[in-house]
Amino acid sequence: MPTDTHEMSAFELLSATLTWLNGTPSGPLVRPRPRIPFVWPPHSISSDFHVQANEWQPGGTLEIEGQLFPFQIARTPHGLFGRVEKLWNEAKTETEDKLPAKLKQSAEPFFYRQREIARLIGSKKRYEGRISDLSPANLIRLLYSEDRDISHDACVEIETHASLALFAPTLIAILADDKHPYRRHAQWCVLDLFEDLPSYCPTPEAQAPAIEAIRQLIYNSTDDWGRTIYKAGVVLGGHICTEESAGAVLNCLQAPSKHGRRSAIHASFHLAEWMPEQQELIVHALESVSKSDPEELLRNYAQAMLRDVISGESDHVSDVVFPEEL
């Protein structure tokens, strides 16, 4: 992370993020796609066919994204191979005329990632640096990437610097975001970080706003895209495990959101597991939900979870899936 990290206060980071979010066009919430880990260099095709170093010859110049890249060709009994050493990518074709297009295609994930990072940080040029070189404000922006792998890598970098006491107010604000189309990506990352909440909010007083933000995320949810709301319950009931988080879980059993209530029912098991002193309250609350929840699926789910809590057995109840989620 840049050396100017310590020159930015938590308040300044929060202000910069809110200004950026306010300037970002809002739109319908986008359903997160599964994360596809970015691996570069990709697997070497030529090595599968045992192409030797002396078989590579100059092949010409390729233009990608307005930049020229020399490429090499290897003609073998197994076909024609091309590689761009500067990009660490290769392609295999049957004819030489198809090779430039195939090389461009195989390099696209590399350039897409650079373009996406540049778009988020407001750069007109592809970002060719490392994510670890980005400022705290730009790392926060990456959490909102349409590519969940970019969000994940930014999340890992933020986690590395949790001890700076810089990120907590901004991460809490992300949980309250109800405008950005890719907010579920960012919120999932925040919840992942808040599994170790004391690293970001070391005192009970500092943790209270984070717990309340998670509670509101669950309580008011209109969907569970990316399993973000489900994860929020796990964080409250299975990781934070304080009297305040216990109260939040029990409160969410009565949420107007069926997605929120599902999350809280599941979280109640973990709460009983890690805070057995709360079991009497949890049993009473689940008994009430099992009789009164407006969703039959959730009444049955609460009844099954209640049996597991009372017996002390492992959580083996199948997760509820609503018809529209199938």
C-alpha atoms as a PDB file:
ATOM      1  CA  MET A   1       0.000   0.000   0.000  1.00  0.00           C
ATOM      2  CA  PRO A   2       1.335   3.496  -0.796  1.00  0.00           C
ATOM      3  CA  THR A   3       3.314   5.291   1.888  1.00  0.00           C
ATOM      4  CA  ASP A   4       0.681   8.039   2.037  1.00  0.00           C
ATOM      5  CA  THR A   5      -1.773   5.617   3.679  1.00  0.00           C
ATOM      6  CA  HIS A   6      -1.107   7.073   7.127  1.00  0.00           C
ATOM      7  CA  GLU A   7      -1.788  10.579   5.834  1.00  0.00           C
ATOM      8  CA  MET A   8      -5.444   9.744   5.149  1.00  0.00           C
ATOM      9  CA  SER A   9      -7.788   9.698   8.110  1.00  0.00           C
ATOM     10  CA  ALA A  10     -10.755   7.380   8.514  1.00  0.00           C
ATOM     11  CA  PHE A  11     -13.053  10.374   8.103  1.00  0.00           C
ATOM     12  CA  GLU A  12     -11.336  11.414   4.861  1.00  0.00           C
ATOM     13  CA  LEU A  13     -11.614   7.906   3.461  1.00  0.00           C
ATOM     14  CA  LEU A  14     -15.302   7.803   4.332  1.00  0.00           C
ATOM     15  CA  SER A  15     -15.895  11.221   2.762  1.00  0.00           C
ATOM     16  CA  ALA A  16     -14.034  10.270  -0.408  1.00  0.00           C
ATOM     17  CA  THR A  17     -16.021   7.049  -0.729  1.00  0.00           C
ATOM     18  CA  LEU A  18     -19.391   8.721  -0.165  1.00  0.00           C
ATOM     19  CA  THR A  19     -18.533  11.405  -2.718  1.00  0.00           C
ATOM     20  CA  TRP A  20     -17.610   8.708  -5.236  1.00  0.00           C
ATOM     21  CA  LEU A  21     -20.761   6.699  -4.543  1.00  0.00           C
ATOM     22  CA  ASN A  22     -22.942   9.785  -4.871  1.00  0.00           C
ATOM     23  CA  GLY A  23     -21.364  10.469  -8.255  1.00  0.00           C
ATOM     24  CA  THR A  24     -21.871   6.913  -9.483  1.00  0.00           C
ATOM     25  CA  PRO A  25     -25.057   6.372 -11.504  1.00  0.00           C
ATOM     26  CA  SER A  26     -27.517   4.251  -9.539  1.00  0.00           C
ATOM     27  CA  GLY A  27     -29.515   1.512 -11.170  1.00  0.00           C
ATOM     28  CA  PRO A  28     -31.207  -1.827 -10.616  1.00  0.00           C
ATOM     29  CA  LEU A  29     -29.354  -4.161  -8.299  1.00  0.00           C
ATOM     30  CA  VAL A  30     -27.187  -6.556 -10.322  1.00  0.00           C
ATOM     31  CA  ARG A  31     -27.136 -10.221  -9.354  1.00  0.00           C
ATOM     32  CA  PRO A  32     -23.521 -11.190  -8.572  1.00  0.00           C
ATOM     33  CA  ARG A  33     -21.956 -13.790 -10.818  1.00  0.00           C
ATOM     34  CA  PRO A  34     -19.835 -16.552  -9.286  1.00  0.00           C
ATOM     35  CA  ARG A  35     -16.245 -15.601  -8.650  1.00  0.00           C
ATOM     36  CA  ILE A  36     -13.828 -16.831 -11.305  1.00  0.00           C
ATOM     37  CA  PRO A  37     -10.263 -16.600  -9.967  1.00  0.00           C
ATOM     38  CA  PHE A  38      -7.912 -14.721 -12.289  1.00  0.00           C
ATOM     39  CA  VAL A  39      -4.863 -16.832 -13.059  1.00  0.00           C
ATOM     40  CA  TRP A  40      -2.073 -15.261 -15.076  1.00  0.00           C
ATOM     41  CA  PRO A  41       0.017 -16.432 -16.812  1.00  0.00           C
ATOM     42  CA  PRO A  42      -2.498 -18.997 -18.056  1.00  0.00           C
ATOM     43  CA  HIS A  43      -1.528 -22.578 -18.683  1.00  0.00           C
ATOM     44  CA  SER A  44       1.078 -22.910 -21.442  1.00  0.00           C
ATOM     45  CA  ILE A  45      -0.466 -24.669 -24.436  1.00  0.00           C
ATOM     46  CA  SER A  46       2.907 -25.181 -26.119  1.00  0.00           C
ATOM     47  CA  SER A  47       4.242 -27.110 -23.129  1.00  0.00           C
ATOM     48  CA  ASP A  48       1.470 -29.686 -23.594  1.00  0.00           C
ATOM     49  CA  PHE A  49       2.908 -30.402 -27.036  1.00  0.00           C
ATOM     50  CA  HIS A  50       6.554 -30.185 -25.951  1.00  0.00           C
ATOM     51  CA  VAL A  51       7.405 -27.232 -28.189  1.00  0.00           C
ATOM     52  CA  GLN A  52      11.109 -26.547 -27.756  1.00  0.00           C
ATOM     53  CA  ALA A  53      12.723 -23.136 -27.247  1.00  0.00           C
ATOM     54  CA  ASN A  54      14.582 -23.323 -30.577  1.00  0.00           C
ATOM     55  CA  GLU A  55      11.322 -23.795 -32.489  1.00  0.00           C
ATOM     56  CA  TRP A  56      10.117 -20.257 -31.785  1.00  0.00           C
ATOM     57  CA  GLN A  57      10.708 -17.724 -34.566  1.00  0.00           C
ATOM     58  CA  PRO A  58       9.758 -14.040 -34.971  1.00  0.00           C
ATOM     59  CA  GLY A  59       6.193 -13.813 -36.231  1.00  0.00           C
ATOM     60  CA  GLY A  60       5.318 -10.136 -36.486  1.00  0.00           C
ATOM     61  CA  THR A  61       3.616  -7.448 -34.437  1.00  0.00           C
ATOM     62  CA  LEU A  62       0.215  -7.495 -32.840  1.00  0.00           C
ATOM     63  CA  GLU A  63      -1.814  -4.403 -31.904  1.00  0.00           C
ATOM     64  CA  ILE A  64      -3.928  -4.696 -28.763  1.00  0.00           C
ATOM     65  CA  GLU A  65      -5.539  -1.777 -26.963  1.00  0.00           C
ATOM     66  CA  GLY A  66      -3.533   0.650 -29.097  1.00  0.00           C
ATOM     67  CA  GLN A  67      -0.234  -0.943 -28.075  1.00  0.00           C
ATOM     68  CA  LEU A  68       2.114  -2.974 -30.260  1.00  0.00           C
ATOM     69  CA  PHE A  69       3.334  -6.366 -29.090  1.00  0.00           C
ATOM     70  CA  PRO A  70       5.835  -8.545 -30.975  1.00  0.00           C
ATOM     71  CA  PHE A  71       4.820 -12.185 -31.159  1.00  0.00           C
ATOM     72  CA  GLN A  72       6.582 -15.420 -32.036  1.00  0.00           C
ATOM     73  CA  ILE A  73       5.516 -18.445 -34.053  1.00  0.00           C
ATOM     74  CA  ALA A  74       6.397 -22.115 -33.758  1.00  0.00           C
ATOM     75  CA  ARG A  75       5.445 -24.370 -36.670  1.00  0.00           C
ATOM     76  CA  THR A  76       5.172 -27.987 -35.524  1.00  0.00           C
ATOM     77  CA  PRO A  77       3.605 -31.249 -36.697  1.00  0.00           C
ATOM     78  CA  HIS A  78       0.909 -30.624 -34.064  1.00  0.00           C
ATOM     79  CA  GLY A  79      -0.116 -27.262 -35.477  1.00  0.00           C
ATOM     80  CA  LEU A  80       0.864 -23.614 -35.375  1.00  0.00           C
ATOM     81  CA  PHE A  81       1.629 -21.975 -32.033  1.00  0.00           C
ATOM     82  CA  GLY A  82       1.955 -18.305 -31.221  1.00  0.00           C
ATOM     83  CA  ARG A  83       3.037 -16.475 -28.100  1.00  0.00           C
ATOM     84  CA  VAL A  84       3.391 -12.927 -26.861  1.00  0.00           C
ATOM     85  CA  GLU A  85       6.183 -13.099 -24.315  1.00  0.00           C
ATOM     86  CA  LYS A  86       5.430  -9.665 -22.856  1.00  0.00           C
ATOM     87  CA  LEU A  87       1.900 -10.823 -21.997  1.00  0.00           C
ATOM     88  CA  TRP A  88       2.820 -14.428 -21.082  1.00  0.00           C
ATOM     89  CA  ASN A  89       0.032 -15.779 -23.292  1.00  0.00           C
ATOM     90  CA  GLU A  90      -0.136 -18.314 -26.092  1.00  0.00           C
ATOM     91  CA  ALA A  91      -2.525 -19.619 -28.719  1.00  0.00           C
ATOM     92  CA  LYS A  92      -2.715 -22.565 -31.110  1.00  0.00           C
ATOM     93  CA  THR A  93      -4.230 -22.484 -34.595  1.00  0.00           C
ATOM     94  CA  GLU A  94      -4.140 -24.453 -37.821  1.00  0.00           C
ATOM     95  CA  THR A  95      -3.349 -21.505 -40.088  1.00  0.00           C
ATOM     96  CA  GLU A  96      -1.159 -18.444 -39.642  1.00  0.00           C
ATOM     97  CA  ASP A  97      -3.857 -15.946 -40.659  1.00  0.00           C
ATOM     98  CA  LYS A  98      -5.982 -16.929 -37.659  1.00  0.00           C
ATOM     99  CA  LEU A  99      -3.167 -16.542 -35.149  1.00  0.00           C
ATOM    100  CA  PRO A 100      -3.369 -12.763 -34.413  1.00  0.00           C
ATOM    101  CA  ALA A 101      -7.079 -12.955 -33.576  1.00  0.00           C
ATOM    102  CA  LYS A 102      -6.522 -16.032 -31.402  1.00  0.00           C
ATOM    103  CA  LEU A 103      -3.707 -14.318 -29.508  1.00  0.00           C
ATOM    104  CA  LYS A 104      -5.900 -11.280 -28.912  1.00  0.00           C
ATOM    105  CA  GLN A 105      -8.668 -13.523 -27.657  1.00  0.00           C
ATOM    106  CA  SER A 106      -6.399 -15.375 -25.251  1.00  0.00           C
ATOM    107  CA  ALA A 107      -5.057 -12.073 -23.883  1.00  0.00           C
ATOM    108  CA  GLU A 108      -8.520 -10.554 -23.297  1.00  0.00           C
ATOM    109  CA  PRO A 109      -8.876 -11.610 -19.616  1.00  0.00           C
ATOM    110  CA  PHE A 110      -5.608  -9.806 -18.869  1.00  0.00           C
ATOM    111  CA  PHE A 111      -6.727  -6.591 -20.561  1.00  0.00           C
ATOM    112  CA  TYR A 112     -10.269  -6.783 -19.240  1.00  0.00           C
ATOM    113  CA  ARG A 113      -8.940  -6.851 -15.675  1.00  0.00           C
ATOM    114  CA  GLN A 114      -6.765  -3.805 -16.307  1.00  0.00           C
ATOM    115  CA  ARG A 115      -9.650  -1.939 -17.957  1.00  0.00           C
ATOM    116  CA  GLU A 116     -12.057  -2.759 -15.138  1.00  0.00           C
ATOM    117  CA  ILE A 117      -9.644  -1.558 -12.453  1.00  0.00           C
ATOM    118  CA  ALA A 118      -8.987   1.614 -14.453  1.00  0.00           C
ATOM    119  CA  ARG A 119     -12.719   2.249 -14.826  1.00  0.00           C
ATOM    120  CA  LEU A 120     -13.278   1.975 -11.090  1.00  0.00           C
ATOM    121  CA  ILE A 121     -10.394   4.230 -10.077  1.00  0.00           C
ATOM    122  CA  GLY A 122     -11.238   6.793 -12.757  1.00  0.00           C
ATOM    123  CA  SER A 123      -8.186   6.298 -14.965  1.00  0.00           C
ATOM    124  CA  LYS A 124      -8.355   6.752 -18.741  1.00  0.00           C
ATOM    125  CA  LYS A 125      -5.502   4.297 -19.227  1.00  0.00           C
ATOM    126  CA  ARG A 126      -5.384   0.608 -18.421  1.00  0.00           C
ATOM    127  CA  TYR A 127      -4.124  -0.005 -14.910  1.00  0.00           C
ATOM    128  CA  GLU A 128      -0.871  -1.935 -15.231  1.00  0.00           C
ATOM    129  CA  GLY A 129       0.223  -1.811 -11.605  1.00  0.00           C
ATOM    130  CA  ARG A 130      -0.445  -4.050  -8.635  1.00  0.00           C
ATOM    131  CA  ILE A 131      -3.580  -3.896  -6.524  1.00  0.00           C
ATOM    132  CA  SER A 132      -1.328  -3.542  -3.483  1.00  0.00           C
ATOM    133  CA  ASP A 133      -0.068  -0.236  -4.914  1.00  0.00           C
ATOM    134  CA  LEU A 134      -3.517   1.379  -4.860  1.00  0.00           C
ATOM    135  CA  SER A 135      -4.589   3.969  -2.317  1.00  0.00           C
ATOM    136  CA  PRO A 136      -7.142   3.053   0.375  1.00  0.00           C
ATOM    137  CA  ALA A 137      -9.855   5.003  -1.478  1.00  0.00           C
ATOM    138  CA  ASN A 138      -9.188   3.100  -4.691  1.00  0.00           C
ATOM    139  CA  LEU A 139      -9.124  -0.249  -2.894  1.00  0.00           C
ATOM    140  CA  ILE A 140     -12.611   0.526  -1.581  1.00  0.00           C
ATOM    141  CA  ARG A 141     -13.784   1.273  -5.123  1.00  0.00           C
ATOM    142  CA  LEU A 142     -12.584  -2.126  -6.303  1.00  0.00           C
ATOM    143  CA  LEU A 143     -14.999  -3.790  -3.894  1.00  0.00           C
ATOM    144  CA  TYR A 144     -17.719  -2.595  -6.273  1.00  0.00           C
ATOM    145  CA  SER A 145     -16.258  -4.301  -9.332  1.00  0.00           C
ATOM    146  CA  GLU A 146     -18.537  -6.319 -11.595  1.00  0.00           C
ATOM    147  CA  ASP A 147     -15.749  -8.922 -11.452  1.00  0.00           C
ATOM    148  CA  ARG A 148     -15.895 -10.583  -8.052  1.00  0.00           C
ATOM    149  CA  ASP A 149     -12.289 -11.712  -8.301  1.00  0.00           C
ATOM    150  CA  ILE A 150     -11.142  -8.085  -8.417  1.00  0.00           C
ATOM    151  CA  SER A 151     -13.366  -7.388  -5.403  1.00  0.00           C
ATOM    152  CA  HIS A 152     -11.858 -10.382  -3.630  1.00  0.00           C
ATOM    153  CA  ASP A 153      -8.278  -9.264  -4.259  1.00  0.00           C
ATOM    154  CA  ALA A 154      -9.065  -5.775  -2.963  1.00  0.00           C
ATOM    155  CA  CYS A 155     -10.685  -7.357   0.084  1.00  0.00           C
ATOM    156  CA  VAL A 156      -7.540  -9.381   0.789  1.00  0.00           C
ATOM    157  CA  GLU A 157      -5.417  -6.237   0.528  1.00  0.00           C
ATOM    158  CA  ILE A 158      -7.680  -4.317   2.916  1.00  0.00           C
ATOM    159  CA  GLU A 159      -7.526  -7.224   5.362  1.00  0.00           C
ATOM    160  CA  THR A 160      -3.740  -7.027   5.302  1.00  0.00           C
ATOM    161  CA  HIS A 161      -3.964  -3.459   6.597  1.00  0.00           C
ATOM    162  CA  ALA A 162      -6.806  -3.887   9.082  1.00  0.00           C
ATOM    163  CA  SER A 163      -4.619  -2.699  11.958  1.00  0.00           C
ATOM    164  CA  LEU A 164      -4.434   0.815  10.501  1.00  0.00           C
ATOM    165  CA  ALA A 165      -7.856   1.612  12.049  1.00  0.00           C
ATOM    166  CA  LEU A 166      -8.685   3.351   8.795  1.00  0.00           C
ATOM    167  CA  PHE A 167     -11.370   1.346   7.057  1.00  0.00           C
ATOM    168  CA  ALA A 168     -14.126   0.681   9.614  1.00  0.00           C
ATOM    169  CA  PRO A 169     -16.391   3.728   9.030  1.00  0.00           C
ATOM    170  CA  THR A 170     -16.237   3.242   5.279  1.00  0.00           C
ATOM    171  CA  LEU A 171     -16.940  -0.492   5.478  1.00  0.00           C
ATOM    172  CA  ILE A 172     -19.941   0.208   7.701  1.00  0.00           C
ATOM    173  CA  ALA A 173     -21.205   2.765   5.155  1.00  0.00           C
ATOM    174  CA  ILE A 174     -20.976   0.154   2.402  1.00  0.00           C
ATOM    175  CA  LEU A 175     -23.342  -2.098   4.357  1.00  0.00           C
ATOM    176  CA  ALA A 176     -25.868   0.743   4.329  1.00  0.00           C
ATOM    177  CA  ASP A 177     -25.503   1.422   0.592  1.00  0.00           C
ATOM    178  CA  ASP A 178     -28.833   0.995  -1.189  1.00  0.00           C
ATOM    179  CA  LYS A 179     -28.011   2.630  -4.530  1.00  0.00           C
ATOM    180  CA  HIS A 180     -25.018   1.102  -6.287  1.00  0.00           C
ATOM    181  CA  PRO A 181     -25.915  -1.706  -8.745  1.00  0.00           C
ATOM    182  CA  TYR A 182     -22.988  -3.824  -7.563  1.00  0.00           C
ATOM    183  CA  ARG A 183     -23.449  -3.227  -3.843  1.00  0.00           C
ATOM    184  CA  ARG A 184     -23.971  -6.929  -3.088  1.00  0.00           C
ATOM    185  CA  HIS A 185     -20.399  -7.591  -4.283  1.00  0.00           C
ATOM    186  CA  ALA A 186     -19.045  -4.940  -1.942  1.00  0.00           C
ATOM    187  CA  GLN A 187     -21.272  -5.889   0.993  1.00  0.00           C
ATOM    188  CA  TRP A 188     -20.264  -9.531   0.777  1.00  0.00           C
ATOM    189  CA  CYS A 189     -16.615  -8.441   0.974  1.00  0.00           C
ATOM    190  CA  VAL A 190     -17.310  -6.245   4.010  1.00  0.00           C
ATOM    191  CA  LEU A 191     -19.033  -9.132   5.760  1.00  0.00           C
ATOM    192  CA  ASP A 192     -16.062 -11.340   4.977  1.00  0.00           C
ATOM    193  CA  LEU A 193     -13.775  -8.764   6.609  1.00  0.00           C
ATOM    194  CA  PHE A 194     -16.090  -8.335   9.587  1.00  0.00           C
ATOM    195  CA  GLU A 195     -15.782 -12.006  10.459  1.00  0.00           C
ATOM    196  CA  ASP A 196     -12.841 -10.615  12.412  1.00  0.00           C
ATOM    197  CA  LEU A 197     -14.634  -7.488  13.578  1.00  0.00           C
ATOM    198  CA  PRO A 198     -12.249  -6.630  16.464  1.00  0.00           C
ATOM    199  CA  SER A 199      -9.458  -6.068  13.939  1.00  0.00           C
ATOM    200  CA  TYR A 200     -11.451  -3.176  12.483  1.00  0.00           C
ATOM    201  CA  CYS A 201     -13.513  -2.113  15.513  1.00  0.00           C
ATOM    202  CA  PRO A 202     -11.478  -2.995  18.612  1.00  0.00           C
ATOM    203  CA  THR A 203     -13.896  -1.793  21.291  1.00  0.00           C
ATOM    204  CA  PRO A 204     -17.554  -2.598  22.001  1.00  0.00           C
ATOM    205  CA  GLU A 205     -18.385   1.049  21.336  1.00  0.00           C
ATOM    206  CA  ALA A 206     -16.752   0.858  17.911  1.00  0.00           C
ATOM    207  CA  GLN A 207     -18.434  -2.455  17.127  1.00  0.00           C
ATOM    208  CA  ALA A 208     -21.946  -1.228  17.863  1.00  0.00           C
ATOM    209  CA  PRO A 209     -22.402   0.686  14.550  1.00  0.00           C
ATOM    210  CA  ALA A 210     -21.091  -2.293  12.580  1.00  0.00           C
ATOM    211  CA  ILE A 211     -23.495  -4.700  14.291  1.00  0.00           C
ATOM    212  CA  GLU A 212     -26.381  -2.323  13.707  1.00  0.00           C
ATOM    213  CA  ALA A 213     -25.454  -1.955  10.025  1.00  0.00           C
ATOM    214  CA  ILE A 214     -25.431  -5.739   9.597  1.00  0.00           C
ATOM    215  CA  ARG A 215     -28.765  -5.996  11.419  1.00  0.00           C
ATOM    216  CA  GLN A 216     -30.339  -3.423   9.139  1.00  0.00           C
ATOM    217  CA  LEU A 217     -28.914  -5.142   6.057  1.00  0.00           C
ATOM    218  CA  ILE A 218     -30.631  -8.367   7.116  1.00  0.00           C
ATOM    219  CA  TYR A 219     -33.809  -6.760   8.419  1.00  0.00           C
ATOM    220  CA  ASN A 220     -34.528  -4.683   5.300  1.00  0.00           C
ATOM    221  CA  SER A 221     -33.243  -7.028   2.599  1.00  0.00           C
ATOM    222  CA  THR A 222     -35.327  -7.492  -0.559  1.00  0.00           C
ATOM    223  CA  ASP A 223     -33.211 -10.321  -1.964  1.00  0.00           C
ATOM    224  CA  ASP A 224     -30.373 -12.642  -1.077  1.00  0.00           C
ATOM    225  CA  TRP A 225     -28.334 -12.341  -4.232  1.00  0.00           C
ATOM    226  CA  GLY A 226     -24.827 -13.657  -3.869  1.00  0.00           C
ATOM    227  CA  ARG A 227     -25.911 -15.146  -0.504  1.00  0.00           C
ATOM    228  CA  THR A 228     -24.968 -11.816   1.044  1.00  0.00           C
ATOM    229  CA  ILE A 229     -27.864 -11.723   3.499  1.00  0.00           C
ATOM    230  CA  TYR A 230     -27.291 -15.347   4.504  1.00  0.00           C
ATOM    231  CA  LYS A 231     -23.637 -14.532   5.174  1.00  0.00           C
ATOM    232  CA  ALA A 232     -24.644 -11.511   7.246  1.00  0.00           C
ATOM    233  CA  GLY A 233     -26.464 -13.823   9.642  1.00  0.00           C
ATOM    234  CA  VAL A 234     -23.487 -16.136   9.873  1.00  0.00           C
ATOM    235  CA  VAL A 235     -21.245 -13.204  10.758  1.00  0.00           C
ATOM    236  CA  LEU A 236     -23.577 -12.010  13.527  1.00  0.00           C
ATOM    237  CA  GLY A 237     -24.322 -15.433  14.981  1.00  0.00           C
ATOM    238  CA  GLY A 238     -21.173 -17.377  14.237  1.00  0.00           C
ATOM    239  CA  HIS A 239     -18.313 -14.868  14.329  1.00  0.00           C
ATOM    240  CA  ILE A 240     -19.062 -11.717  16.309  1.00  0.00           C
ATOM    241  CA  CYS A 241     -20.920 -13.507  19.127  1.00  0.00           C
ATOM    242  CA  THR A 242     -21.596 -10.702  21.575  1.00  0.00           C
ATOM    243  CA  GLU A 243     -24.747  -9.805  23.473  1.00  0.00           C
ATOM    244  CA  GLU A 244     -25.332  -7.071  20.912  1.00  0.00           C
ATOM    245  CA  SER A 245     -24.988  -9.403  17.937  1.00  0.00           C
ATOM    246  CA  ALA A 246     -27.221 -11.960  19.674  1.00  0.00           C
ATOM    247  CA  GLY A 247     -29.882  -9.311  20.101  1.00  0.00           C
ATOM    248  CA  ALA A 248     -29.564  -8.396  16.438  1.00  0.00           C
ATOM    249  CA  VAL A 249     -30.072 -12.018  15.333  1.00  0.00           C
ATOM    250  CA  LEU A 250     -33.142 -12.452  17.515  1.00  0.00           C
ATOM    251  CA  ASN A 251     -34.545  -9.146  16.289  1.00  0.00           C
ATOM    252  CA  CYS A 252     -34.154 -10.242  12.667  1.00  0.00           C
ATOM    253  CA  LEU A 253     -36.317 -13.310  13.292  1.00  0.00           C
ATOM    254  CA  GLN A 254     -39.182 -10.809  13.056  1.00  0.00           C
ATOM    255  CA  ALA A 255     -37.865  -8.937  10.030  1.00  0.00           C
ATOM    256  CA  PRO A 256     -40.341  -7.945   7.311  1.00  0.00           C
ATOM    257  CA  SER A 257     -37.969  -9.574   4.823  1.00  0.00           C
ATOM    258  CA  LYS A 258     -38.347 -13.313   4.348  1.00  0.00           C
ATOM    259  CA  HIS A 259     -34.708 -13.399   3.203  1.00  0.00           C
ATOM    260  CA  GLY A 260     -33.741 -11.697   6.451  1.00  0.00           C
ATOM    261  CA  ARG A 261     -35.770 -14.111   8.558  1.00  0.00           C
ATOM    262  CA  ARG A 262     -34.195 -17.083   6.768  1.00  0.00           C
ATOM    263  CA  SER A 263     -30.766 -15.670   7.537  1.00  0.00           C
ATOM    264  CA  ALA A 264     -31.665 -15.138  11.201  1.00  0.00           C
ATOM    265  CA  ILE A 265     -33.109 -18.642  11.602  1.00  0.00           C
ATOM    266  CA  HIS A 266     -29.873 -20.123  10.337  1.00  0.00           C
ATOM    267  CA  ALA A 267     -27.793 -17.705  12.428  1.00  0.00           C
ATOM    268  CA  SER A 268     -29.674 -18.715  15.572  1.00  0.00           C
ATOM    269  CA  PHE A 269     -28.142 -22.183  15.459  1.00  0.00           C
ATOM    270  CA  HIS A 270     -24.609 -20.773  15.370  1.00  0.00           C
ATOM    271  CA  LEU A 271     -25.521 -18.348  18.113  1.00  0.00           C
ATOM    272  CA  ALA A 272     -26.633 -21.208  20.351  1.00  0.00           C
ATOM    273  CA  GLU A 273     -23.460 -23.094  19.450  1.00  0.00           C
ATOM    274  CA  TRP A 274     -21.082 -20.267  20.393  1.00  0.00           C
ATOM    275  CA  MET A 275     -23.154 -18.556  23.090  1.00  0.00           C
ATOM    276  CA  PRO A 276     -24.936 -21.350  24.995  1.00  0.00           C
ATOM    277  CA  GLU A 277     -26.028 -18.837  27.624  1.00  0.00           C
ATOM    278  CA  GLN A 278     -28.398 -17.476  24.957  1.00  0.00           C
ATOM    279  CA  GLN A 279     -30.033 -20.853  24.286  1.00  0.00           C
ATOM    280  CA  GLU A 280     -33.174 -20.275  26.344  1.00  0.00           C
ATOM    281  CA  LEU A 281     -33.937 -17.053  24.465  1.00  0.00           C
ATOM    282  CA  ILE A 282     -33.142 -18.689  21.134  1.00  0.00           C
ATOM    283  CA  VAL A 283     -35.408 -21.672  21.795  1.00  0.00           C
ATOM    284  CA  HIS A 284     -38.267 -19.382  22.791  1.00  0.00           C
ATOM    285  CA  ALA A 285     -37.786 -17.239  19.686  1.00  0.00           C
ATOM    286  CA  LEU A 286     -37.593 -20.218  17.294  1.00  0.00           C
ATOM    287  CA  GLU A 287     -40.709 -21.743  18.854  1.00  0.00           C
ATOM    288  CA  SER A 288     -42.553 -18.517  18.132  1.00  0.00           C
ATOM    289  CA  VAL A 289     -41.288 -18.350  14.535  1.00  0.00           C
ATOM    290  CA  SER A 290     -42.162 -22.004  13.907  1.00  0.00           C
ATOM    291  CA  LYS A 291     -45.800 -21.207  14.714  1.00  0.00           C
ATOM    292  CA  SER A 292     -46.258 -17.666  13.437  1.00  0.00           C
ATOM    293  CA  ASP A 293     -44.004 -16.978  10.444  1.00  0.00           C
ATOM    294  CA  PRO A 294     -46.126 -16.089   7.380  1.00  0.00           C
ATOM    295  CA  GLU A 295     -43.994 -18.381   5.183  1.00  0.00           C
ATOM    296  CA  GLU A 296     -44.667 -22.089   5.575  1.00  0.00           C
ATOM    297  CA  LEU A 297     -41.159 -22.859   4.386  1.00  0.00           C
ATOM    298  CA  LEU A 298     -39.727 -20.742   7.177  1.00  0.00           C
ATOM    299  CA  ARG A 299     -42.048 -22.186   9.807  1.00  0.00           C
ATOM    300  CA  ASN A 300     -40.788 -25.644   8.924  1.00  0.00           C
ATOM    301  CA  TYR A 301     -37.192 -24.384   8.774  1.00  0.00           C
ATOM    302  CA  ALA A 302     -37.477 -22.854  12.242  1.00  0.00           C
ATOM    303  CA  GLN A 303     -38.992 -26.067  13.624  1.00  0.00           C
ATOM    304  CA  ALA A 304     -36.140 -28.147  12.233  1.00  0.00           C
ATOM    305  CA  MET A 305     -33.531 -25.688  13.481  1.00  0.00           C
ATOM    306  CA  LEU A 306     -35.191 -25.703  16.892  1.00  0.00           C
ATOM    307  CA  ARG A 307     -34.728 -29.470  17.116  1.00  0.00           C
ATOM    308  CA  ASP A 308     -31.027 -29.097  16.339  1.00  0.00           C
ATOM    309  CA  VAL A 309     -30.572 -26.343  18.913  1.00  0.00           C
ATOM    310  CA  ILE A 310     -32.285 -28.366  21.652  1.00  0.00           C
ATOM    311  CA  SER A 311     -30.425 -31.568  20.826  1.00  0.00           C
ATOM    312  CA  GLY A 312     -27.084 -29.811  20.459  1.00  0.00           C
ATOM    313  CA  GLU A 313     -26.415 -31.700  17.251  1.00  0.00           C
ATOM    314  CA  SER A 314     -24.713 -30.340  14.184  1.00  0.00           C
ATOM    315  CA  ASP A 315     -26.621 -27.992  11.928  1.00  0.00           C
ATOM    316  CA  HIS A 316     -27.842 -30.496   9.344  1.00  0.00           C
ATOM    317  CA  VAL A 317     -31.065 -28.817   8.240  1.00  0.00           C
ATOM    318  CA  SER A 318     -31.242 -28.253   4.494  1.00  0.00           C
ATOM    319  CA  ASP A 319     -31.219 -24.570   3.675  1.00  0.00           C
ATOM    320  CA  VAL A 320     -34.520 -23.126   2.565  1.00  0.00           C
ATOM    321  CA  VAL A 321     -34.749 -22.110  -1.082  1.00  0.00           C
ATOM    322  CA  PHE A 322     -37.673 -19.927  -2.123  1.00  0.00           C
ATOM    323  CA  PRO A 323     -39.471 -20.857  -5.372  1.00  0.00           C
ATOM    324  CA  GLU A 324     -38.260 -17.751  -7.223  1.00  0.00           C
ATOM    325  CA  GLU A 325     -34.657 -18.689  -6.382  1.00  0.00           C
ATOM    326  CA  LEU A 326     -34.794 -22.045  -8.115  1.00  0.00           C
END
